[in-house]
């Protein structure tokens, strides 16, 4: 096409038709500009397409990670709900001596074990950390999703402050309340009373403070984190379906 215009311009110049010559020269320039714009547009479209493909791939990888984190969190919450339920039973038992006296030592120990269960939560974060550290989180077009992902680590830390408090204090308190059950004679242990914790004031305070009060706050935070995680997964699913 450009050669065609050039040939016309040459003929017009030879025929001394300068007016038409300049018109065709301008037309040739416009064609070149249009060609450049089309090339840039195609290149930009290809680049956008590559970024969109990368975004979809990252979203799918991230969904797998977050799905796993949700399942793990649900298990932890269920264990802590069981712990809280056992603590409530223990508090009722403190007010019912007859029921305690009739309770087999194995049943009492089982109740203690359920109550003192305390699971930490360590979510998978390899893909999310990679996205944040590499700056590729900016590839995601959904602003709300980007904000929730950037805040996920901090939300997790906040949600498990109470659980970590129990984890820090539990070994010492368990040790102290179990020690009182040993019966000694001449400095030697002769027996162990597995139900002695019942009358231990430290054990009663420990049960109420950590496994009722602190656990209640912890469960509320953990359930809130679960809702945020479900929201993240929902937003990811929406973006994948686009």
C-alpha atoms as a PDB file:
ATOM      1  CA  UNK A   1       0.000   0.000   0.000  1.00  0.00           C
ATOM      2  CA  UNK A   2       2.820   2.417   0.905  1.00  0.00           C
ATOM      3  CA  UNK A   3       4.639   1.621  -2.367  1.00  0.00           C
ATOM      4  CA  UNK A   4       1.415   2.355  -4.206  1.00  0.00           C
ATOM      5  CA  UNK A   5       1.158   5.791  -2.560  1.00  0.00           C
ATOM      6  CA  UNK A   6       4.839   6.471  -3.216  1.00  0.00           C
ATOM      7  CA  UNK A   7       4.408   5.707  -6.923  1.00  0.00           C
ATOM      8  CA  UNK A   8       1.409   8.026  -7.116  1.00  0.00           C
ATOM      9  CA  UNK A   9       3.386  10.786  -5.402  1.00  0.00           C
ATOM     10  CA  UNK A  10       6.226  10.383  -7.855  1.00  0.00           C
ATOM     11  CA  UNK A  11       3.831  10.643 -10.800  1.00  0.00           C
ATOM     12  CA  UNK A  12       2.156  13.709  -9.305  1.00  0.00           C
ATOM     13  CA  UNK A  13       5.524  15.342  -8.719  1.00  0.00           C
ATOM     14  CA  UNK A  14       6.524  14.667 -12.303  1.00  0.00           C
ATOM     15  CA  UNK A  15       3.202  16.147 -13.455  1.00  0.00           C
ATOM     16  CA  UNK A  16       3.814  19.180 -11.184  1.00  0.00           C
ATOM     17  CA  UNK A  17       0.607  18.542  -9.227  1.00  0.00           C
ATOM     18  CA  UNK A  18       2.012  19.569  -5.844  1.00  0.00           C
ATOM     19  CA  UNK A  19      -1.391  19.951  -4.133  1.00  0.00           C
ATOM     20  CA  UNK A  20      -2.347  16.374  -4.717  1.00  0.00           C
ATOM     21  CA  UNK A  21       1.233  15.336  -3.978  1.00  0.00           C
ATOM     22  CA  UNK A  22       1.037  16.676  -0.429  1.00  0.00           C
ATOM     23  CA  UNK A  23      -2.375  15.065   0.096  1.00  0.00           C
ATOM     24  CA  UNK A  24      -0.991  11.670  -0.809  1.00  0.00           C
ATOM     25  CA  UNK A  25       2.113  12.301   1.311  1.00  0.00           C
ATOM     26  CA  UNK A  26      -0.095  13.050   4.299  1.00  0.00           C
ATOM     27  CA  UNK A  27      -2.146   9.934   3.558  1.00  0.00           C
ATOM     28  CA  UNK A  28       1.013   7.860   3.530  1.00  0.00           C
ATOM     29  CA  UNK A  29       2.067   9.303   6.897  1.00  0.00           C
ATOM     30  CA  UNK A  30      -1.376   8.590   8.357  1.00  0.00           C
ATOM     31  CA  UNK A  31      -1.174   4.989   7.167  1.00  0.00           C
ATOM     32  CA  UNK A  32       2.161   4.571   8.906  1.00  0.00           C
ATOM     33  CA  UNK A  33       0.767   6.061  12.134  1.00  0.00           C
ATOM     34  CA  UNK A  34      -2.329   3.854  11.989  1.00  0.00           C
ATOM     35  CA  UNK A  35      -0.126   0.814  11.435  1.00  0.00           C
ATOM     36  CA  UNK A  36       1.985   1.689  14.459  1.00  0.00           C
ATOM     37  CA  UNK A  37      -1.103   2.225  16.625  1.00  0.00           C
ATOM     38  CA  UNK A  38      -2.559  -1.112  15.548  1.00  0.00           C
ATOM     39  CA  UNK A  39       0.730  -2.869  16.331  1.00  0.00           C
ATOM     40  CA  UNK A  40       0.908  -1.226  19.775  1.00  0.00           C
ATOM     41  CA  UNK A  41      -2.724  -2.129  20.433  1.00  0.00           C
ATOM     42  CA  UNK A  42      -2.168  -5.768  19.473  1.00  0.00           C
ATOM     43  CA  UNK A  43       0.957  -5.910  21.616  1.00  0.00           C
ATOM     44  CA  UNK A  44      -0.943  -4.418  24.573  1.00  0.00           C
ATOM     45  CA  UNK A  45      -3.793  -6.866  24.075  1.00  0.00           C
ATOM     46  CA  UNK A  46      -1.343  -9.777  24.041  1.00  0.00           C
ATOM     47  CA  UNK A  47       0.304  -8.491  27.213  1.00  0.00           C
ATOM     48  CA  UNK A  48      -3.066  -8.111  28.958  1.00  0.00           C
ATOM     49  CA  UNK A  49      -3.986 -11.617  27.876  1.00  0.00           C
ATOM     50  CA  UNK A  50      -0.750 -13.017  29.325  1.00  0.00           C
ATOM     51  CA  UNK A  51      -1.385 -11.227  32.627  1.00  0.00           C
ATOM     52  CA  UNK A  52      -4.974 -12.514  32.726  1.00  0.00           C
ATOM     53  CA  UNK A  53      -3.765 -16.080  32.173  1.00  0.00           C
ATOM     54  CA  UNK A  54      -1.169 -15.669  34.937  1.00  0.00           C
ATOM     55  CA  UNK A  55      -3.811 -14.232  37.277  1.00  0.00           C
ATOM     56  CA  UNK A  56      -6.094 -17.226  36.706  1.00  0.00           C
ATOM     57  CA  UNK A  57      -3.245 -19.648  37.357  1.00  0.00           C
ATOM     58  CA  UNK A  58      -2.310 -17.881  40.593  1.00  0.00           C
ATOM     59  CA  UNK A  59      -5.940 -17.755  41.719  1.00  0.00           C
ATOM     60  CA  UNK A  60      -6.320 -21.510  41.252  1.00  0.00           C
ATOM     61  CA  UNK A  61      -3.119 -22.221  43.196  1.00  0.00           C
ATOM     62  CA  UNK A  62      -4.193 -19.851  45.948  1.00  0.00           C
ATOM     63  CA  UNK A  63      -7.643 -21.449  46.141  1.00  0.00           C
ATOM     64  CA  UNK A  64      -6.072 -24.844  46.871  1.00  0.00           C
ATOM     65  CA  UNK A  65      -3.998 -23.323  49.664  1.00  0.00           C
ATOM     66  CA  UNK A  66      -6.951 -21.473  51.196  1.00  0.00           C
ATOM     67  CA  UNK A  67      -9.260 -24.501  50.932  1.00  0.00           C
ATOM     68  CA  UNK A  68      -6.711 -26.506  52.917  1.00  0.00           C
ATOM     69  CA  UNK A  69      -6.383 -23.712  55.479  1.00  0.00           C
ATOM     70  CA  UNK A  70     -10.152 -23.611  55.938  1.00  0.00           C
ATOM     71  CA  UNK A  71     -10.361 -27.369  56.553  1.00  0.00           C
ATOM     72  CA  UNK A  72      -7.526 -27.168  59.084  1.00  0.00           C
ATOM     73  CA  UNK A  73      -9.165 -24.228  60.846  1.00  0.00           C
ATOM     74  CA  UNK A  74     -12.494 -26.066  61.050  1.00  0.00           C
ATOM     75  CA  UNK A  75     -10.739 -28.999  62.757  1.00  0.00           C
ATOM     76  CA  UNK A  76      -9.069 -26.666  65.270  1.00  0.00           C
ATOM     77  CA  UNK A  77     -12.356 -24.894  66.038  1.00  0.00           C
ATOM     78  CA  UNK A  78     -14.126 -28.236  66.558  1.00  0.00           C
ATOM     79  CA  UNK A  79     -11.405 -29.323  69.007  1.00  0.00           C
ATOM     80  CA  UNK A  80     -11.660 -26.060  70.940  1.00  0.00           C
ATOM     81  CA  UNK A  81     -15.455 -26.321  71.047  1.00  0.00           C
ATOM     82  CA  UNK A  82     -15.028 -29.797  72.538  1.00  0.00           C
ATOM     83  CA  UNK A  83     -12.567 -28.334  75.052  1.00  0.00           C
ATOM     84  CA  UNK A  84     -15.043 -25.610  76.037  1.00  0.00           C
ATOM     85  CA  UNK A  85     -17.859 -28.136  76.411  1.00  0.00           C
ATOM     86  CA  UNK A  86     -15.663 -30.270  78.688  1.00  0.00           C
ATOM     87  CA  UNK A  87     -14.798 -27.178  80.757  1.00  0.00           C
ATOM     88  CA  UNK A  88     -18.506 -26.437  81.222  1.00  0.00           C
ATOM     89  CA  UNK A  89     -19.038 -30.026  82.397  1.00  0.00           C
ATOM     90  CA  UNK A  90     -16.119 -29.626  84.787  1.00  0.00           C
ATOM     91  CA  UNK A  91     -17.592 -26.419  86.224  1.00  0.00           C
ATOM     92  CA  UNK A  92     -20.900 -28.229  86.799  1.00  0.00           C
ATOM     93  CA  UNK A  93     -19.002 -31.062  88.455  1.00  0.00           C
ATOM     94  CA  UNK A  94     -17.390 -28.604  90.881  1.00  0.00           C
ATOM     95  CA  UNK A  95     -20.905 -27.890  92.179  1.00  0.00           C
ATOM     96  CA  UNK A  96     -21.916 -31.547  92.435  1.00  0.00           C
ATOM     97  CA  UNK A  97     -19.690 -33.492  94.809  1.00  0.00           C
ATOM     98  CA  UNK A  98     -21.906 -36.579  94.756  1.00  0.00           C
ATOM     99  CA  UNK A  99     -21.647 -36.860  90.972  1.00  0.00           C
ATOM    100  CA  UNK A 100     -17.874 -36.488  91.209  1.00  0.00           C
ATOM    101  CA  UNK A 101     -17.536 -39.148  93.917  1.00  0.00           C
ATOM    102  CA  UNK A 102     -19.469 -41.609  91.741  1.00  0.00           C
ATOM    103  CA  UNK A 103     -17.393 -40.798  88.652  1.00  0.00           C
ATOM    104  CA  UNK A 104     -14.702 -43.369  87.773  1.00  0.00           C
ATOM    105  CA  UNK A 105     -11.191 -41.936  87.805  1.00  0.00           C
ATOM    106  CA  UNK A 106     -10.812 -42.841  84.117  1.00  0.00           C
ATOM    107  CA  UNK A 107     -13.866 -40.745  83.241  1.00  0.00           C
ATOM    108  CA  UNK A 108     -12.499 -37.798  85.217  1.00  0.00           C
ATOM    109  CA  UNK A 109      -9.131 -38.053  83.473  1.00  0.00           C
ATOM    110  CA  UNK A 110     -10.842 -38.271  80.091  1.00  0.00           C
ATOM    111  CA  UNK A 111     -12.791 -35.103  80.896  1.00  0.00           C
ATOM    112  CA  UNK A 112      -9.560 -33.353  81.920  1.00  0.00           C
ATOM    113  CA  UNK A 113      -7.890 -34.457  78.691  1.00  0.00           C
ATOM    114  CA  UNK A 114     -10.710 -33.106  76.525  1.00  0.00           C
ATOM    115  CA  UNK A 115     -10.776 -29.822  78.408  1.00  0.00           C
ATOM    116  CA  UNK A 116      -7.022 -29.274  78.198  1.00  0.00           C
ATOM    117  CA  UNK A 117      -6.833 -29.932  74.471  1.00  0.00           C
ATOM    118  CA  UNK A 118      -5.344 -26.839  72.866  1.00  0.00           C
ATOM    119  CA  UNK A 119      -4.520 -26.846  69.158  1.00  0.00           C
ATOM    120  CA  UNK A 120      -2.431 -24.179  67.490  1.00  0.00           C
ATOM    121  CA  UNK A 121      -3.177 -23.117  63.924  1.00  0.00           C
ATOM    122  CA  UNK A 122      -0.385 -22.908  61.374  1.00  0.00           C
ATOM    123  CA  UNK A 123      -1.949 -22.148  57.980  1.00  0.00           C
ATOM    124  CA  UNK A 124      -0.193 -22.948  54.727  1.00  0.00           C
ATOM    125  CA  UNK A 125       1.150 -19.688  53.335  1.00  0.00           C
ATOM    126  CA  UNK A 126       3.780 -20.547  50.716  1.00  0.00           C
ATOM    127  CA  UNK A 127       1.784 -19.310  47.733  1.00  0.00           C
ATOM    128  CA  UNK A 128       0.404 -16.248  49.521  1.00  0.00           C
ATOM    129  CA  UNK A 129       3.847 -15.247  50.811  1.00  0.00           C
ATOM    130  CA  UNK A 130       5.276 -15.658  47.317  1.00  0.00           C
ATOM    131  CA  UNK A 131       2.573 -13.388  45.889  1.00  0.00           C
ATOM    132  CA  UNK A 132       3.177 -10.705  48.496  1.00  0.00           C
ATOM    133  CA  UNK A 133       6.979 -10.835  48.434  1.00  0.00           C
ATOM    134  CA  UNK A 134       7.191 -10.817  44.628  1.00  0.00           C
ATOM    135  CA  UNK A 135       4.613  -8.059  44.215  1.00  0.00           C
ATOM    136  CA  UNK A 136       2.452 -10.311  42.045  1.00  0.00           C
ATOM    137  CA  UNK A 137      -0.505  -9.716  44.344  1.00  0.00           C
ATOM    138  CA  UNK A 138      -0.994  -6.577  42.238  1.00  0.00           C
ATOM    139  CA  UNK A 139      -2.022  -8.838  39.344  1.00  0.00           C
ATOM    140  CA  UNK A 140      -5.356  -9.448  41.061  1.00  0.00           C
ATOM    141  CA  UNK A 141      -8.015  -7.050  39.841  1.00  0.00           C
ATOM    142  CA  UNK A 142     -10.340  -7.456  42.845  1.00  0.00           C
ATOM    143  CA  UNK A 143      -9.366  -4.805  45.421  1.00  0.00           C
ATOM    144  CA  UNK A 144     -11.265  -6.416  48.290  1.00  0.00           C
ATOM    145  CA  UNK A 145      -9.543  -9.737  47.666  1.00  0.00           C
ATOM    146  CA  UNK A 146      -6.126  -8.066  47.607  1.00  0.00           C
ATOM    147  CA  UNK A 147      -6.834  -6.339  50.922  1.00  0.00           C
ATOM    148  CA  UNK A 148      -8.023  -9.527  52.650  1.00  0.00           C
ATOM    149  CA  UNK A 149      -5.037 -11.506  51.386  1.00  0.00           C
ATOM    150  CA  UNK A 150      -2.591  -8.822  52.505  1.00  0.00           C
ATOM    151  CA  UNK A 151      -4.246  -8.833  55.960  1.00  0.00           C
ATOM    152  CA  UNK A 152      -4.605 -12.615  56.340  1.00  0.00           C
ATOM    153  CA  UNK A 153      -1.417 -13.205  58.336  1.00  0.00           C
ATOM    154  CA  UNK A 154      -2.229 -10.427  60.792  1.00  0.00           C
ATOM    155  CA  UNK A 155      -5.826 -11.662  61.146  1.00  0.00           C
ATOM    156  CA  UNK A 156      -4.535 -15.151  61.969  1.00  0.00           C
ATOM    157  CA  UNK A 157      -2.147 -13.852  64.624  1.00  0.00           C
ATOM    158  CA  UNK A 158      -4.915 -11.790  66.240  1.00  0.00           C
ATOM    159  CA  UNK A 159      -7.381 -14.693  66.165  1.00  0.00           C
ATOM    160  CA  UNK A 160      -5.058 -17.046  68.038  1.00  0.00           C
ATOM    161  CA  UNK A 161      -3.733 -14.741  70.760  1.00  0.00           C
ATOM    162  CA  UNK A 162      -5.975 -16.427  73.350  1.00  0.00           C
ATOM    163  CA  UNK A 163      -5.013 -19.904  72.183  1.00  0.00           C
ATOM    164  CA  UNK A 164      -1.336 -19.034  72.481  1.00  0.00           C
ATOM    165  CA  UNK A 165      -1.959 -17.658  75.979  1.00  0.00           C
ATOM    166  CA  UNK A 166      -3.396 -21.035  76.992  1.00  0.00           C
ATOM    167  CA  UNK A 167      -0.484 -22.787  75.300  1.00  0.00           C
ATOM    168  CA  UNK A 168       2.042 -20.750  77.295  1.00  0.00           C
ATOM    169  CA  UNK A 169       0.419 -21.310  80.691  1.00  0.00           C
ATOM    170  CA  UNK A 170      -0.936 -24.824  80.308  1.00  0.00           C
ATOM    171  CA  UNK A 171       2.260 -26.876  80.906  1.00  0.00           C
ATOM    172  CA  UNK A 172       3.062 -25.122  84.197  1.00  0.00           C
ATOM    173  CA  UNK A 173      -0.512 -25.200  85.479  1.00  0.00           C
ATOM    174  CA  UNK A 174      -1.016 -28.843  84.511  1.00  0.00           C
ATOM    175  CA  UNK A 175       2.221 -29.799  86.226  1.00  0.00           C
ATOM    176  CA  UNK A 176       1.319 -27.935  89.416  1.00  0.00           C
ATOM    177  CA  UNK A 177      -2.168 -29.398  89.695  1.00  0.00           C
ATOM    178  CA  UNK A 178      -1.040 -32.958  88.921  1.00  0.00           C
ATOM    179  CA  UNK A 179       1.765 -32.907  91.496  1.00  0.00           C
ATOM    180  CA  UNK A 180      -0.663 -32.768  94.400  1.00  0.00           C
ATOM    181  CA  UNK A 181      -1.929 -36.247  93.606  1.00  0.00           C
ATOM    182  CA  UNK A 182       1.261 -38.040  94.599  1.00  0.00           C
ATOM    183  CA  UNK A 183       1.226 -39.704  98.001  1.00  0.00           C
ATOM    184  CA  UNK A 184       4.655 -40.093  99.554  1.00  0.00           C
ATOM    185  CA  UNK A 185       6.068 -41.984 102.503  1.00  0.00           C
ATOM    186  CA  UNK A 186       9.569 -41.402 103.742  1.00  0.00           C
ATOM    187  CA  UNK A 187      10.248 -39.320 100.634  1.00  0.00           C
ATOM    188  CA  UNK A 188       9.124 -42.068  98.243  1.00  0.00           C
ATOM    189  CA  UNK A 189       6.030 -42.053  96.018  1.00  0.00           C
ATOM    190  CA  UNK A 190       3.727 -44.846  97.092  1.00  0.00           C
ATOM    191  CA  UNK A 191       0.569 -44.022  95.117  1.00  0.00           C
ATOM    192  CA  UNK A 192      -1.166 -41.468  92.969  1.00  0.00           C
ATOM    193  CA  UNK A 193      -4.675 -40.134  93.473  1.00  0.00           C
ATOM    194  CA  UNK A 194      -5.967 -39.379  89.982  1.00  0.00           C
ATOM    195  CA  UNK A 195      -8.973 -37.430  91.260  1.00  0.00           C
ATOM    196  CA  UNK A 196      -7.118 -35.096  93.618  1.00  0.00           C
ATOM    197  CA  UNK A 197      -7.219 -32.219  91.113  1.00  0.00           C
ATOM    198  CA  UNK A 198     -10.913 -31.806  91.853  1.00  0.00           C
ATOM    199  CA  UNK A 199     -10.218 -30.182  95.232  1.00  0.00           C
ATOM    200  CA  UNK A 200      -7.239 -28.177  94.023  1.00  0.00           C
ATOM    201  CA  UNK A 201      -8.123 -24.459  94.060  1.00  0.00           C
ATOM    202  CA  UNK A 202      -5.524 -23.698  91.396  1.00  0.00           C
ATOM    203  CA  UNK A 203      -7.116 -26.296  89.134  1.00  0.00           C
ATOM    204  CA  UNK A 204     -10.565 -24.777  89.628  1.00  0.00           C
ATOM    205  CA  UNK A 205      -9.298 -21.276  88.884  1.00  0.00           C
ATOM    206  CA  UNK A 206      -7.291 -22.588  85.927  1.00  0.00           C
ATOM    207  CA  UNK A 207     -10.383 -24.344  84.538  1.00  0.00           C
ATOM    208  CA  UNK A 208     -12.591 -21.265  84.786  1.00  0.00           C
ATOM    209  CA  UNK A 209     -10.051 -18.655  83.685  1.00  0.00           C
ATOM    210  CA  UNK A 210      -8.408 -20.403  80.750  1.00  0.00           C
ATOM    211  CA  UNK A 211     -10.893 -22.974  79.479  1.00  0.00           C
ATOM    212  CA  UNK A 212     -14.078 -20.965  79.998  1.00  0.00           C
ATOM    213  CA  UNK A 213     -13.224 -17.250  79.871  1.00  0.00           C
ATOM    214  CA  UNK A 214     -10.137 -17.212  77.626  1.00  0.00           C
ATOM    215  CA  UNK A 215     -11.454 -20.069  75.484  1.00  0.00           C
ATOM    216  CA  UNK A 216     -14.714 -18.202  74.865  1.00  0.00           C
ATOM    217  CA  UNK A 217     -12.841 -15.185  73.535  1.00  0.00           C
ATOM    218  CA  UNK A 218     -10.557 -17.387  71.473  1.00  0.00           C
ATOM    219  CA  UNK A 219     -13.433 -19.259  69.869  1.00  0.00           C
ATOM    220  CA  UNK A 220     -15.144 -16.012  68.914  1.00  0.00           C
ATOM    221  CA  UNK A 221     -11.959 -14.817  67.197  1.00  0.00           C
ATOM    222  CA  UNK A 222     -11.413 -18.159  65.475  1.00  0.00           C
ATOM    223  CA  UNK A 223     -14.968 -18.193  64.132  1.00  0.00           C
ATOM    224  CA  UNK A 224     -14.483 -14.646  62.829  1.00  0.00           C
ATOM    225  CA  UNK A 225     -11.296 -15.758  61.082  1.00  0.00           C
ATOM    226  CA  UNK A 226     -13.239 -18.648  59.551  1.00  0.00           C
ATOM    227  CA  UNK A 227     -15.766 -16.181  58.120  1.00  0.00           C
ATOM    228  CA  UNK A 228     -12.964 -14.064  56.638  1.00  0.00           C
ATOM    229  CA  UNK A 229     -11.347 -17.149  55.132  1.00  0.00           C
ATOM    230  CA  UNK A 230     -14.656 -18.238  53.619  1.00  0.00           C
ATOM    231  CA  UNK A 231     -15.013 -14.737  52.157  1.00  0.00           C
ATOM    232  CA  UNK A 232     -11.539 -14.949  50.618  1.00  0.00           C
ATOM    233  CA  UNK A 233     -12.385 -18.295  49.012  1.00  0.00           C
ATOM    234  CA  UNK A 234     -15.712 -16.938  47.740  1.00  0.00           C
ATOM    235  CA  UNK A 235     -13.978 -13.944  46.114  1.00  0.00           C
ATOM    236  CA  UNK A 236     -11.369 -16.223  44.553  1.00  0.00           C
ATOM    237  CA  UNK A 237     -14.123 -18.410  43.110  1.00  0.00           C
ATOM    238  CA  UNK A 238     -15.834 -15.339  41.655  1.00  0.00           C
ATOM    239  CA  UNK A 239     -12.627 -14.223  39.972  1.00  0.00           C
ATOM    240  CA  UNK A 240     -11.912 -17.695  38.577  1.00  0.00           C
ATOM    241  CA  UNK A 241     -15.380 -17.880  37.012  1.00  0.00           C
ATOM    242  CA  UNK A 242     -14.913 -14.603  35.118  1.00  0.00           C
END
